[in-house]
Amino acid sequence: GLLQGIPSLGALPGGPGGPGGPGAPAAPSAAGGKTAAPIDYSRYVKRFGSALECGRALCKDLNYREHFHCIECNSRVFVKKEEMIRHFKWHKKRAESLAHGFMRYSPNDDCSDRYRDCSHNRKQTHYHCIKENCDKVYISTSDVQMHANYHRKDSAIIQEGFQRFRATEECRAEHCVFFGQRTTHFHCRREGCKYTFKNKADMEKHKTYHIKDEQLTRDGFKKFMKQDPCPFEGCRFSGNCNHIHCIRSGCSYVLHSSGQLFSHKRKHERKDSELAYRKYKLAQSMMKSLVDGQAFADQLGAGLGEEGALQSLMAGLQPGGQQPHAGGLGLPEPADAAGQQSQQAQ
C-alpha cells in the first residue's frame, strides 16, 4: 500500500527509460509535438569519458569517470551534468549580454575588480555597460535593451558625422554655444568644423552643406558664409557677405554667386587643356629629334660621310621631309650631266 503512490523508477525523469534518461528518445516539444534539437555544449564545455582521457593530474587523483571541463574557465571541472549545464547557460547569457554592450554578473560573481563601488555586487544579477565613458548599471533586462538602443542611435549619429550630448553629459567644448547649459545638443565632428546645434532636424541640413562643400572643393572652390572667418589674407569680403574663393594655384578670383562657378571652371579647364597640348607637342618634337639623331649616327657608321649624313638629317627636319639635292653631296645634277655628254659628242 505504501508503494501505490510512488512512480516506478523507469518513469522518473532521468531514470532508465524516463524522459532524458539513457537510451530514451528526446521528449517532444510543446509546439506541434516536434522533437527538440539536442543542445550543443561543445562551445564552452568539453566532455571526457575518464581521467585517463583528459590527462589532468587532479582528475587522475580523484579518479573521475565521465566529467566535463570548461574551455574558457581552465580550473572549472564538473562531475555532475546538471552543474555543467548551469555553467554552460551562465557563459551563454554572458555572451548574449556582451553582444548588446553589457557585462552580466550573477549573484555568485564578483565585479569589484572592475567596478569597485557597485552596490549590486554579490547580491543580484546585474549588467554593467561596457561602452567607453559610460558607467550605467541595470538589474532589469528591459532597461538593458533601452540603454542598448540609446548607444545604437548614438553610433548611427556618429556614422553621419555628428555627436550627441545628452543633458546629463558635458561636451567640454568651450566654443560650443550650449556649453554648461545641460541641454541635449549636437556637434559636427568633421575636421575644421565647429558647428553646434540643438534641433535634430538641422542635422540633415548641415550634412547637405558639407556634401556641397566637398563637391566645391573637388571642383577647385571654397565657399565661406558671412559668419565664417575667411583665411585668405586681405579678403575684403570676409565677415561682410557670402563668397566663394577659387583655390587653384596662382588664381585669386573671388565669386559672389554659384552661377559663376561653371564659366570660371571652364576657363581653367581650357588653360589646362592648352598646357597639356603644348607639353605633348614638345615631347613629340624631342622624340623626333632623338630618332633623327640615331639615324644620323647610323649613316655615319655606314660610311655615307659626315656631309651626306648632315644633309640627310637637315632634310628630315624640313617641312614635308624634302630630300637633299644630289649637288649637295658633291655629285653632278642630272641636267648638268646630260649637257656635258652633248658637248663631248660635238
Protein backbone atom coordinates (compact mmCIF):
# COMPACT_ATOMS: atom_id res chain seq x y z
CA GLY A 1 0.00 0.00 0.00
CA LEU A 2 2.94 2.37 0.61
CA LEU A 3 4.27 1.83 -2.92
CA GLN A 4 1.00 2.60 -4.73
CA GLY A 5 1.53 6.38 -4.82
CA ILE A 6 5.21 6.23 -5.81
CA PRO A 7 6.00 6.19 -9.58
CA SER A 8 8.22 3.45 -10.87
CA LEU A 9 11.93 4.11 -11.38
CA GLY A 10 11.52 3.86 -15.15
CA ALA A 11 9.01 6.70 -15.15
CA LEU A 12 11.21 9.13 -13.22
CA PRO A 13 12.90 11.95 -15.21
CA GLY A 14 16.42 10.86 -15.97
CA GLY A 15 15.76 7.27 -14.92
CA PRO A 16 16.17 4.30 -17.26
CA GLY A 17 13.53 4.72 -19.89
CA GLY A 18 12.31 8.00 -18.41
CA PRO A 19 12.40 11.41 -20.18
CA GLY A 20 16.02 12.36 -20.68
CA GLY A 21 17.29 9.01 -19.48
CA PRO A 22 19.95 6.99 -21.30
CA GLY A 23 18.62 5.50 -24.48
CA ALA A 24 15.31 7.31 -24.19
CA PRO A 25 14.03 9.25 -27.21
CA ALA A 26 14.08 13.03 -26.98
CA ALA A 27 10.97 14.47 -25.37
CA PRO A 28 8.54 16.09 -27.81
CA SER A 29 8.37 19.87 -27.60
CA ALA A 30 5.17 21.67 -26.67
CA ALA A 31 4.67 23.20 -30.13
CA GLY A 32 3.39 20.70 -32.68
CA GLY A 33 4.85 17.65 -30.92
CA LYS A 34 8.17 18.01 -32.79
CA THR A 35 11.34 16.59 -31.32
CA ALA A 36 13.53 19.26 -29.67
CA ALA A 37 17.00 19.59 -31.19
CA PRO A 38 19.82 18.46 -28.88
CA ILE A 39 21.87 21.25 -27.31
CA ASP A 40 25.49 21.52 -28.41
CA TYR A 41 27.61 22.18 -25.32
CA SER A 42 30.94 21.97 -27.13
CA ARG A 43 31.23 25.75 -27.48
CA TYR A 44 32.14 26.16 -23.81
CA VAL A 45 32.44 22.61 -22.39
CA LYS A 46 34.42 19.51 -23.34
CA ARG A 47 33.36 16.02 -22.21
CA PHE A 48 35.78 13.29 -21.15
CA GLY A 49 34.86 9.66 -20.53
CA SER A 50 37.59 9.10 -17.94
CA ALA A 51 40.51 10.74 -16.17
CA LEU A 52 42.93 8.94 -18.48
CA GLU A 53 41.24 10.57 -21.47
CA CYS A 54 41.66 14.15 -20.21
CA GLY A 55 45.15 13.55 -18.77
CA ARG A 56 44.86 16.15 -15.99
CA ALA A 57 46.65 15.15 -12.77
CA LEU A 58 43.85 16.33 -10.46
CA CYS A 59 41.27 14.31 -12.36
CA LYS A 60 43.51 11.22 -12.12
CA ASP A 61 43.97 11.70 -8.38
CA LEU A 62 40.20 11.91 -7.88
CA ASN A 63 39.67 9.01 -10.30
CA TYR A 64 36.99 10.83 -12.30
CA ARG A 65 34.94 8.84 -14.77
CA GLU A 66 32.64 10.91 -17.01
CA HIS A 67 33.31 14.58 -16.33
CA PHE A 68 33.37 17.95 -18.08
CA HIS A 69 35.99 20.68 -18.44
CA CYS A 70 35.08 24.32 -19.12
CA ILE A 71 37.07 25.50 -22.14
CA GLU A 72 37.15 29.17 -21.07
CA CYS A 73 37.48 28.64 -17.30
CA ASN A 74 40.52 26.36 -17.15
CA SER A 75 40.10 25.49 -13.47
CA ARG A 76 36.42 24.50 -13.64
CA VAL A 77 35.68 20.78 -13.75
CA PHE A 78 32.17 19.32 -13.40
CA VAL A 79 31.26 15.77 -12.47
CA LYS A 80 27.50 16.29 -12.50
CA LYS A 81 25.86 17.07 -15.80
CA GLU A 82 23.38 19.42 -14.12
CA GLU A 83 26.22 21.62 -12.87
CA MET A 84 27.81 21.60 -16.30
CA ILE A 85 24.53 22.71 -17.92
CA ARG A 86 24.13 25.50 -15.36
CA HIS A 87 27.66 26.74 -16.08
CA PHE A 88 27.07 26.47 -19.84
CA LYS A 89 23.97 28.70 -19.53
CA TRP A 90 26.00 31.20 -17.49
CA HIS A 91 28.51 31.53 -20.35
CA LYS A 92 25.72 31.73 -22.93
CA LYS A 93 23.90 34.54 -21.10
CA ARG A 94 27.12 36.48 -20.60
CA ALA A 95 27.94 36.19 -24.33
CA GLU A 96 24.44 37.43 -25.22
CA SER A 97 24.79 40.43 -22.90
CA LEU A 98 28.23 41.27 -24.33
CA ALA A 99 26.68 41.30 -27.81
CA HIS A 100 24.44 44.15 -26.57
CA GLY A 101 27.33 46.00 -24.92
CA PHE A 102 26.89 44.79 -21.31
CA MET A 103 28.82 42.58 -18.90
CA ARG A 104 26.49 40.28 -16.97
CA TYR A 105 27.24 39.35 -13.37
CA SER A 106 25.29 36.74 -11.40
CA PRO A 107 24.97 36.81 -7.58
CA ASN A 108 27.94 34.42 -7.36
CA ASP A 109 30.20 36.67 -9.47
CA ASP A 110 32.50 39.33 -8.07
CA CYS A 111 32.53 42.54 -10.14
CA SER A 112 34.65 44.55 -7.69
CA ASP A 113 37.82 44.10 -9.77
CA ARG A 114 36.29 46.35 -12.47
CA TYR A 115 33.52 48.20 -10.65
CA ARG A 116 34.75 48.86 -7.13
CA ASP A 117 31.73 50.68 -5.69
CA CYS A 118 28.95 48.60 -7.28
CA SER A 119 26.01 48.29 -4.88
CA HIS A 120 24.72 45.13 -6.62
CA ASN A 121 27.92 43.10 -6.22
CA ARG A 122 27.23 39.53 -4.97
CA LYS A 123 23.60 40.47 -4.24
CA GLN A 124 21.69 40.07 -7.51
CA THR A 125 22.14 39.58 -11.23
CA HIS A 126 23.06 42.91 -12.82
CA TYR A 127 24.50 44.33 -16.05
CA HIS A 128 27.30 46.87 -16.45
CA CYS A 129 27.51 48.92 -19.68
CA ILE A 130 30.96 48.44 -21.21
CA LYS A 131 30.83 51.38 -23.62
CA GLU A 132 33.59 53.95 -23.23
CA ASN A 133 32.82 56.73 -20.71
CA CYS A 134 29.54 55.06 -19.68
CA ASP A 135 29.05 53.89 -16.08
CA LYS A 136 25.41 52.76 -16.28
CA VAL A 137 24.36 49.57 -14.44
CA TYR A 138 20.95 47.87 -14.61
CA ILE A 139 19.19 44.93 -12.97
CA SER A 140 16.30 44.77 -15.47
CA THR A 141 16.76 43.28 -18.94
CA SER A 142 14.18 45.73 -20.34
CA ASP A 143 16.33 48.64 -19.11
CA VAL A 144 19.33 46.96 -20.70
CA GLN A 145 17.56 46.85 -24.07
CA MET A 146 16.53 50.51 -23.82
CA HIS A 147 20.08 51.57 -22.99
CA ALA A 148 21.45 49.42 -25.84
CA ASN A 149 19.09 51.25 -28.23
CA TYR A 150 20.43 54.56 -26.91
CA HIS A 151 24.00 53.55 -27.81
CA ARG A 152 22.85 52.17 -31.16
CA LYS A 153 21.31 55.53 -32.05
CA ASP A 154 24.48 57.28 -30.95
CA SER A 155 26.54 55.04 -33.24
CA ALA A 156 24.24 55.87 -36.17
CA ILE A 157 24.63 59.61 -35.43
CA ILE A 158 28.43 59.27 -35.32
CA GLN A 159 28.40 57.48 -38.68
CA GLU A 160 26.59 60.52 -40.09
CA GLY A 161 29.44 62.73 -38.86
CA PHE A 162 27.88 64.13 -35.67
CA GLN A 163 27.95 63.53 -31.91
CA ARG A 164 25.06 63.84 -29.49
CA PHE A 165 25.38 65.05 -25.92
CA ARG A 166 22.53 64.42 -23.50
CA ALA A 167 21.50 66.93 -20.83
CA THR A 168 23.35 64.84 -18.24
CA GLU A 169 26.58 64.84 -20.30
CA GLU A 170 29.20 67.57 -20.58
CA CYS A 171 30.56 68.29 -24.06
CA ARG A 172 33.69 70.02 -22.66
CA ALA A 173 33.94 72.21 -25.78
CA GLU A 174 34.44 75.85 -24.88
CA HIS A 175 33.49 77.02 -28.38
CA CYS A 176 30.06 75.39 -28.03
CA VAL A 177 27.20 77.85 -27.50
CA PHE A 178 25.46 75.24 -25.30
CA PHE A 179 28.49 74.63 -23.08
CA GLY A 180 27.43 74.35 -19.41
CA GLN A 181 23.70 74.65 -20.19
CA ARG A 182 22.86 70.97 -19.52
CA THR A 183 20.74 70.57 -22.63
CA THR A 184 20.73 67.90 -25.33
CA HIS A 185 22.63 69.16 -28.37
CA PHE A 186 24.81 68.02 -31.28
CA HIS A 187 28.34 68.71 -32.52
CA CYS A 188 29.62 68.33 -36.08
CA ARG A 189 32.67 66.00 -35.93
CA ARG A 190 34.12 66.89 -39.36
CA GLU A 191 37.64 68.29 -39.41
CA GLY A 192 37.77 72.06 -39.05
CA CYS A 193 34.02 72.41 -38.38
CA LYS A 194 32.83 73.75 -35.01
CA TYR A 195 29.12 73.88 -35.84
CA THR A 196 26.80 73.02 -32.93
CA PHE A 197 23.02 72.81 -32.96
CA LYS A 198 20.12 71.80 -30.74
CA ASN A 199 17.42 70.74 -33.18
CA LYS A 200 17.92 67.27 -34.67
CA ALA A 201 16.20 68.44 -37.87
CA ASP A 202 19.22 70.69 -38.56
CA MET A 203 21.42 67.60 -38.83
CA GLU A 204 20.32 66.74 -42.37
CA LYS A 205 20.59 70.38 -43.45
CA HIS A 206 24.17 70.65 -42.18
CA LYS A 207 25.07 67.29 -43.72
CA THR A 208 23.85 68.59 -47.11
CA TYR A 209 26.01 71.69 -46.63
CA HIS A 210 29.12 69.53 -46.20
CA ILE A 211 28.24 67.39 -49.24
CA LYS A 212 28.00 70.53 -51.39
CA ASP A 213 31.20 71.91 -49.84
CA GLU A 214 33.10 68.72 -50.67
CA GLN A 215 31.87 68.91 -54.26
CA LEU A 216 33.01 72.54 -54.47
CA THR A 217 36.45 71.55 -53.17
CA ARG A 218 36.75 68.84 -55.83
CA ASP A 219 35.91 71.49 -58.45
CA GLY A 220 38.56 73.85 -57.06
CA PHE A 221 36.47 76.25 -54.96
CA LYS A 222 35.85 77.05 -51.29
CA LYS A 223 32.70 78.76 -50.05
CA PHE A 224 32.62 80.98 -46.96
CA MET A 225 29.45 82.12 -45.23
CA LYS A 226 29.09 85.61 -43.81
CA GLN A 227 29.66 84.37 -40.26
CA ASP A 228 32.69 82.24 -41.21
CA PRO A 229 36.19 83.71 -40.82
CA CYS A 230 37.87 83.82 -44.24
CA PRO A 231 41.51 82.61 -44.07
CA PHE A 232 42.53 84.37 -47.30
CA GLU A 233 44.73 87.32 -46.40
CA GLY A 234 43.35 90.73 -47.34
CA CYS A 235 39.93 89.42 -48.42
CA ARG A 236 37.58 92.41 -48.29
CA PHE A 237 34.50 90.15 -48.26
CA SER A 238 35.43 88.35 -45.02
CA GLY A 239 32.64 88.84 -42.48
CA ASN A 240 30.65 91.00 -44.92
CA CYS A 241 28.88 88.57 -47.25
CA ASN A 242 28.83 85.02 -48.57
CA HIS A 243 31.54 84.50 -51.18
CA ILE A 244 33.50 81.77 -52.99
CA HIS A 245 37.28 81.64 -53.49
CA CYS A 246 38.97 79.85 -56.36
CA ILE A 247 41.62 77.71 -54.64
CA ARG A 248 43.56 76.70 -57.76
CA SER A 249 47.27 77.52 -57.74
CA GLY A 250 48.00 81.05 -58.92
CA CYS A 251 44.35 82.15 -59.05
CA SER A 252 42.92 84.74 -56.64
CA TYR A 253 39.49 85.13 -58.26
CA VAL A 254 36.50 85.62 -55.92
CA LEU A 255 32.97 84.68 -56.97
CA HIS A 256 29.77 86.05 -55.47
CA SER A 257 27.28 83.63 -56.99
CA SER A 258 27.11 79.91 -57.67
CA GLY A 259 26.09 80.78 -61.22
CA GLN A 260 29.66 81.93 -61.93
CA LEU A 261 31.19 78.58 -60.99
CA PHE A 262 30.70 76.82 -64.32
CA SER A 263 32.18 79.55 -66.51
CA HIS A 264 35.22 80.01 -64.23
CA LYS A 265 35.77 76.26 -64.06
CA ARG A 266 35.63 76.03 -67.89
CA LYS A 267 38.22 78.80 -68.12
CA HIS A 268 40.68 76.76 -66.04
CA GLU A 269 39.86 73.59 -67.98
CA ARG A 270 40.69 75.34 -71.29
CA LYS A 271 44.01 76.56 -69.88
CA ASP A 272 44.82 73.09 -68.60
CA SER A 273 43.95 71.59 -71.99
CA GLU A 274 46.16 74.08 -73.87
CA LEU A 275 49.05 73.47 -71.49
CA ALA A 276 48.69 69.72 -71.88
CA TYR A 277 48.70 70.07 -75.70
CA ARG A 278 51.88 72.18 -75.65
CA LYS A 279 53.57 69.63 -73.43
CA TYR A 280 52.51 66.87 -75.82
CA LYS A 281 53.89 68.70 -78.89
CA LEU A 282 57.16 69.43 -77.07
CA ALA A 283 57.55 65.79 -76.11
CA GLN A 284 56.75 64.75 -79.69
CA SER A 285 59.41 67.12 -81.07
CA MET A 286 62.01 65.86 -78.60
CA MET A 287 61.23 62.26 -79.52
CA LYS A 288 61.63 63.05 -83.24
CA SER A 289 64.99 64.71 -82.58
CA LEU A 290 66.17 61.62 -80.74
CA VAL A 291 65.10 59.36 -83.63
CA ASP A 292 66.78 61.61 -86.24
CA GLY A 293 69.94 61.76 -84.14
CA GLN A 294 70.06 57.98 -84.09
CA ALA A 295 69.59 57.88 -87.89
CA PHE A 296 72.49 60.37 -88.27
CA ALA A 297 74.73 58.12 -86.21
CA ASP A 298 73.70 55.08 -88.25
CA GLN A 299 74.54 56.85 -91.54
CA LEU A 300 77.96 57.85 -90.25
CA GLY A 301 78.57 54.26 -89.30
CA ALA A 302 77.51 53.09 -92.79
CA GLY A 303 80.23 55.23 -94.44
CA LEU A 304 77.99 57.81 -96.09
CA GLY A 305 80.26 60.56 -94.89
CA GLU A 306 79.77 63.37 -92.46
CA GLU A 307 78.48 65.81 -95.12
CA GLY A 308 75.93 63.36 -96.56
CA ALA A 309 74.67 62.35 -93.13
CA LEU A 310 74.30 66.03 -92.17
CA GLN A 311 72.31 66.75 -95.36
CA SER A 312 70.04 63.80 -94.65
CA LEU A 313 69.46 64.99 -91.09
CA MET A 314 68.64 68.55 -92.22
CA ALA A 315 66.19 67.24 -94.82
CA GLY A 316 64.39 65.23 -92.18
CA LEU A 317 63.91 68.36 -90.09
CA GLN A 318 62.49 70.38 -93.04
CA PRO A 319 58.70 70.53 -93.56
CA GLY A 320 57.48 67.85 -95.92
CA GLY A 321 60.65 65.80 -95.44
CA GLN A 322 62.36 67.03 -98.70
CA GLN A 323 65.38 65.01 -99.75
CA PRO A 324 68.73 66.81 -100.28
CA HIS A 325 69.86 67.67 -103.81
CA ALA A 326 72.48 65.45 -105.42
CA GLY A 327 74.70 68.51 -105.83
CA GLY A 328 74.73 68.99 -102.13
CA LEU A 329 76.51 65.63 -101.89
CA GLY A 330 79.25 66.63 -104.45
CA LEU A 331 77.53 64.79 -107.38
CA PRO A 332 76.53 66.47 -110.73
CA GLU A 333 72.90 67.40 -111.23
CA PRO A 334 71.07 65.24 -113.85
CA ALA A 335 70.66 68.20 -116.25
CA ASP A 336 74.36 69.12 -115.98
CA ALA A 337 75.36 65.53 -116.71
CA ALA A 338 73.26 65.47 -119.92
CA GLY A 339 74.80 68.81 -121.11
CA GLN A 340 78.34 67.51 -120.57
CA GLN A 341 77.58 64.39 -122.64
CA SER A 342 76.23 66.50 -125.60
CA GLN A 343 79.33 68.73 -125.57
CA GLN A 344 81.59 65.70 -125.68
CA ALA A 345 79.61 64.29 -128.67
CA GLN A 346 80.09 67.51 -130.62
